[in-house]
Amino acid sequence: MERLLAVSSSPHIHAPQDTRTIMAWVLAALAPAGLAGIYFFGFRAA
């Protein structure tokens, strides 16, 4: 018996923010890890 593949769109989050705002939040979330890496391993780790 042959089963057909169900094709549908991916589940995307619909947010009122634009891409620039979301990327600013991503940068803010990654900043502590980057600063900790520089603190523990020096600027050569960056």
PDB file of N, CA and C in Angstrom:
ATOM      1  N   MET A   1       0.845  -1.174   0.000  1.00  0.00           N
ATOM      2  CA  MET A   1       0.000   0.000   0.000  1.00  0.00           C
ATOM      3  C   MET A   1       0.893   1.242   0.000  1.00  0.00           C
ATOM      4  N   GLU A   2       0.601   2.158  -0.844  1.00  0.00           N
ATOM      5  CA  GLU A   2       1.413   3.358  -0.989  1.00  0.00           C
ATOM      6  C   GLU A   2       0.793   4.512  -0.207  1.00  0.00           C
ATOM      7  N   ARG A   3       1.615   5.144   0.641  1.00  0.00           N
ATOM      8  CA  ARG A   3       1.135   6.295   1.417  1.00  0.00           C
ATOM      9  C   ARG A   3       1.639   7.571   0.771  1.00  0.00           C
ATOM     10  N   LEU A   4       0.789   8.539   0.712  1.00  0.00           N
ATOM     11  CA  LEU A   4       1.170   9.825   0.152  1.00  0.00           C
ATOM     12  C   LEU A   4       1.751  10.719   1.242  1.00  0.00           C
ATOM     13  N   LEU A   5       2.748  11.490   0.868  1.00  0.00           N
ATOM     14  CA  LEU A   5       3.380  12.419   1.797  1.00  0.00           C
ATOM     15  C   LEU A   5       2.531  13.680   1.909  1.00  0.00           C
ATOM     16  N   ALA A   6       2.206  14.054   3.125  1.00  0.00           N
ATOM     17  CA  ALA A   6       1.427  15.270   3.351  1.00  0.00           C
ATOM     18  C   ALA A   6       2.371  16.470   3.347  1.00  0.00           C
ATOM     19  N   VAL A   7       2.180  17.366   2.425  1.00  0.00           N
ATOM     20  CA  VAL A   7       3.023  18.551   2.300  1.00  0.00           C
ATOM     21  C   VAL A   7       2.266  19.739   2.870  1.00  0.00           C
ATOM     22  N   SER A   8       2.900  20.428   3.815  1.00  0.00           N
ATOM     23  CA  SER A   8       2.288  21.617   4.406  1.00  0.00           C
ATOM     24  C   SER A   8       3.392  22.620   4.716  1.00  0.00           C
ATOM     25  N   SER A   9       2.998  23.814   5.044  1.00  0.00           N
ATOM     26  CA  SER A   9       3.985  24.846   5.356  1.00  0.00           C
ATOM     27  C   SER A   9       4.560  24.627   6.749  1.00  0.00           C
ATOM     28  N   SER A  10       5.738  25.157   6.955  1.00  0.00           N
ATOM     29  CA  SER A  10       6.401  25.027   8.250  1.00  0.00           C
ATOM     30  C   SER A  10       5.697  25.886   9.294  1.00  0.00           C
ATOM     31  N   PRO A  11       5.779  25.479  10.563  1.00  0.00           N
ATOM     32  CA  PRO A  11       5.161  26.300  11.619  1.00  0.00           C
ATOM     33  C   PRO A  11       6.044  27.510  11.942  1.00  0.00           C
ATOM     34  N   HIS A  12       5.638  28.645  11.510  1.00  0.00           N
ATOM     35  CA  HIS A  12       6.388  29.873  11.758  1.00  0.00           C
ATOM     36  C   HIS A  12       5.700  30.684  12.849  1.00  0.00           C
ATOM     37  N   ILE A  13       6.517  31.403  13.596  1.00  0.00           N
ATOM     38  CA  ILE A  13       5.984  32.278  14.634  1.00  0.00           C
ATOM     39  C   ILE A  13       5.600  33.604  13.983  1.00  0.00           C
ATOM     40  N   HIS A  14       4.400  34.028  14.202  1.00  0.00           N
ATOM     41  CA  HIS A  14       3.951  35.315  13.689  1.00  0.00           C
ATOM     42  C   HIS A  14       4.015  36.320  14.829  1.00  0.00           C
ATOM     43  N   ALA A  15       4.967  37.232  14.734  1.00  0.00           N
ATOM     44  CA  ALA A  15       5.168  38.219  15.783  1.00  0.00           C
ATOM     45  C   ALA A  15       4.989  39.617  15.200  1.00  0.00           C
ATOM     46  N   PRO A  16       4.568  40.550  16.016  1.00  0.00           N
ATOM     47  CA  PRO A  16       4.390  41.915  15.506  1.00  0.00           C
ATOM     48  C   PRO A  16       5.719  42.640  15.258  1.00  0.00           C
ATOM     49  N   GLN A  17       6.833  42.117  15.789  1.00  0.00           N
ATOM     50  CA  GLN A  17       8.123  42.770  15.602  1.00  0.00           C
ATOM     51  C   GLN A  17       8.654  42.497  14.192  1.00  0.00           C
ATOM     52  N   ASP A  18       9.474  43.438  13.708  1.00  0.00           N
ATOM     53  CA  ASP A  18      10.110  43.219  12.418  1.00  0.00           C
ATOM     54  C   ASP A  18      11.434  42.481  12.630  1.00  0.00           C
ATOM     55  N   THR A  19      12.084  42.133  11.540  1.00  0.00           N
ATOM     56  CA  THR A  19      13.313  41.348  11.608  1.00  0.00           C
ATOM     57  C   THR A  19      14.417  42.091  12.347  1.00  0.00           C
ATOM     58  N   ARG A  20      14.496  43.386  12.168  1.00  0.00           N
ATOM     59  CA  ARG A  20      15.535  44.176  12.833  1.00  0.00           C
ATOM     60  C   ARG A  20      15.400  44.091  14.356  1.00  0.00           C
ATOM     61  N   THR A  21      14.186  44.176  14.865  1.00  0.00           N
ATOM     62  CA  THR A  21      13.954  44.100  16.308  1.00  0.00           C
ATOM     63  C   THR A  21      14.289  42.715  16.844  1.00  0.00           C
ATOM     64  N   ILE A  22      13.893  41.684  16.129  1.00  0.00           N
ATOM     65  CA  ILE A  22      14.178  40.316  16.572  1.00  0.00           C
ATOM     66  C   ILE A  22      15.684  40.070  16.594  1.00  0.00           C
ATOM     67  N   MET A  23      16.410  40.539  15.577  1.00  0.00           N
ATOM     68  CA  MET A  23      17.863  40.360  15.543  1.00  0.00           C
ATOM     69  C   MET A  23      18.548  41.157  16.649  1.00  0.00           C
ATOM     70  N   ALA A  24      17.987  42.292  17.038  1.00  0.00           N
ATOM     71  CA  ALA A  24      18.536  43.048  18.166  1.00  0.00           C
ATOM     72  C   ALA A  24      18.389  42.248  19.454  1.00  0.00           C
ATOM     73  N   TRP A  25      17.252  41.573  19.624  1.00  0.00           N
ATOM     74  CA  TRP A  25      17.055  40.714  20.796  1.00  0.00           C
ATOM     75  C   TRP A  25      18.012  39.518  20.772  1.00  0.00           C
ATOM     76  N   VAL A  26      18.254  38.968  19.601  1.00  0.00           N
ATOM     77  CA  VAL A  26      19.206  37.856  19.478  1.00  0.00           C
ATOM     78  C   VAL A  26      20.604  38.324  19.866  1.00  0.00           C
ATOM     79  N   LEU A  27      21.002  39.497  19.387  1.00  0.00           N
ATOM     80  CA  LEU A  27      22.305  40.049  19.743  1.00  0.00           C
ATOM     81  C   LEU A  27      22.405  40.295  21.246  1.00  0.00           C
ATOM     82  N   ALA A  28      21.347  40.818  21.842  1.00  0.00           N
ATOM     83  CA  ALA A  28      21.341  41.056  23.291  1.00  0.00           C
ATOM     84  C   ALA A  28      21.432  39.743  24.062  1.00  0.00           C
ATOM     85  N   ALA A  29      20.823  38.690  23.535  1.00  0.00           N
ATOM     86  CA  ALA A  29      20.873  37.395  24.212  1.00  0.00           C
ATOM     87  C   ALA A  29      22.255  36.754  24.102  1.00  0.00           C
ATOM     88  N   LEU A  30      22.961  36.986  22.992  1.00  0.00           N
ATOM     89  CA  LEU A  30      24.280  36.389  22.796  1.00  0.00           C
ATOM     90  C   LEU A  30      25.414  37.215  23.398  1.00  0.00           C
ATOM     91  N   ALA A  31      25.158  38.467  23.712  1.00  0.00           N
ATOM     92  CA  ALA A  31      26.202  39.344  24.243  1.00  0.00           C
ATOM     93  C   ALA A  31      26.821  38.829  25.544  1.00  0.00           C
ATOM     94  N   PRO A  32      26.056  38.355  26.529  1.00  0.00           N
ATOM     95  CA  PRO A  32      26.694  37.859  27.754  1.00  0.00           C
ATOM     96  C   PRO A  32      27.649  36.692  27.505  1.00  0.00           C
ATOM     97  N   ALA A  33      27.288  35.787  26.605  1.00  0.00           N
ATOM     98  CA  ALA A  33      28.175  34.662  26.295  1.00  0.00           C
ATOM     99  C   ALA A  33      29.447  35.160  25.614  1.00  0.00           C
ATOM    100  N   GLY A  34      29.312  36.127  24.722  1.00  0.00           N
ATOM    101  CA  GLY A  34      30.490  36.689  24.067  1.00  0.00           C
ATOM    102  C   GLY A  34      31.401  37.417  25.038  1.00  0.00           C
ATOM    103  N   LEU A  35      30.807  38.189  25.923  1.00  0.00           N
ATOM    104  CA  LEU A  35      31.604  38.906  26.925  1.00  0.00           C
ATOM    105  C   LEU A  35      32.274  37.944  27.897  1.00  0.00           C
ATOM    106  N   ALA A  36      31.589  36.879  28.283  1.00  0.00           N
ATOM    107  CA  ALA A  36      32.193  35.877  29.162  1.00  0.00           C
ATOM    108  C   ALA A  36      33.351  35.177  28.458  1.00  0.00           C
ATOM    109  N   GLY A  37      33.202  34.897  27.175  1.00  0.00           N
ATOM    110  CA  GLY A  37      34.292  34.285  26.418  1.00  0.00           C
ATOM    111  C   GLY A  37      35.511  35.179  26.351  1.00  0.00           C
ATOM    112  N   ILE A  38      35.292  36.470  26.151  1.00  0.00           N
ATOM    113  CA  ILE A  38      36.409  37.416  26.129  1.00  0.00           C
ATOM    114  C   ILE A  38      37.036  37.530  27.511  1.00  0.00           C
ATOM    115  N   TYR A  39      36.222  37.523  28.553  1.00  0.00           N
ATOM    116  CA  TYR A  39      36.736  37.632  29.922  1.00  0.00           C
ATOM    117  C   TYR A  39      37.597  36.420  30.283  1.00  0.00           C
ATOM    118  N   PHE A  40      37.099  35.216  29.976  1.00  0.00           N
ATOM    119  CA  PHE A  40      37.803  34.001  30.378  1.00  0.00           C
ATOM    120  C   PHE A  40      38.950  33.627  29.437  1.00  0.00           C
ATOM    121  N   PHE A  41      38.823  33.911  28.140  1.00  0.00           N
ATOM    122  CA  PHE A  41      39.808  33.442  27.175  1.00  0.00           C
ATOM    123  C   PHE A  41      40.558  34.558  26.465  1.00  0.00           C
ATOM    124  N   GLY A  42      40.217  35.804  26.732  1.00  0.00           N
ATOM    125  CA  GLY A  42      40.909  36.928  26.118  1.00  0.00           C
ATOM    126  C   GLY A  42      40.336  37.284  24.758  1.00  0.00           C
ATOM    127  N   PHE A  43      40.871  38.345  24.174  1.00  0.00           N
ATOM    128  CA  PHE A  43      40.354  38.838  22.899  1.00  0.00           C
ATOM    129  C   PHE A  43      40.657  37.896  21.741  1.00  0.00           C
ATOM    130  N   ARG A  44      41.649  37.034  21.892  1.00  0.00           N
ATOM    131  CA  ARG A  44      41.970  36.103  20.807  1.00  0.00           C
ATOM    132  C   ARG A  44      40.864  35.079  20.600  1.00  0.00           C
ATOM    133  N   ALA A  45      40.002  34.883  21.586  1.00  0.00           N
ATOM    134  CA  ALA A  45      38.892  33.941  21.454  1.00  0.00           C
ATOM    135  C   ALA A  45      37.755  34.527  20.638  1.00  0.00           C
ATOM    136  N   ALA A  46      37.730  35.828  20.482  1.00  0.00           N
ATOM    137  CA  ALA A  46      36.627  36.477  19.774  1.00  0.00           C
ATOM    138  C   ALA A  46      36.751  36.359  18.277  1.00  0.00           C
TER     139      ALA A  46
END
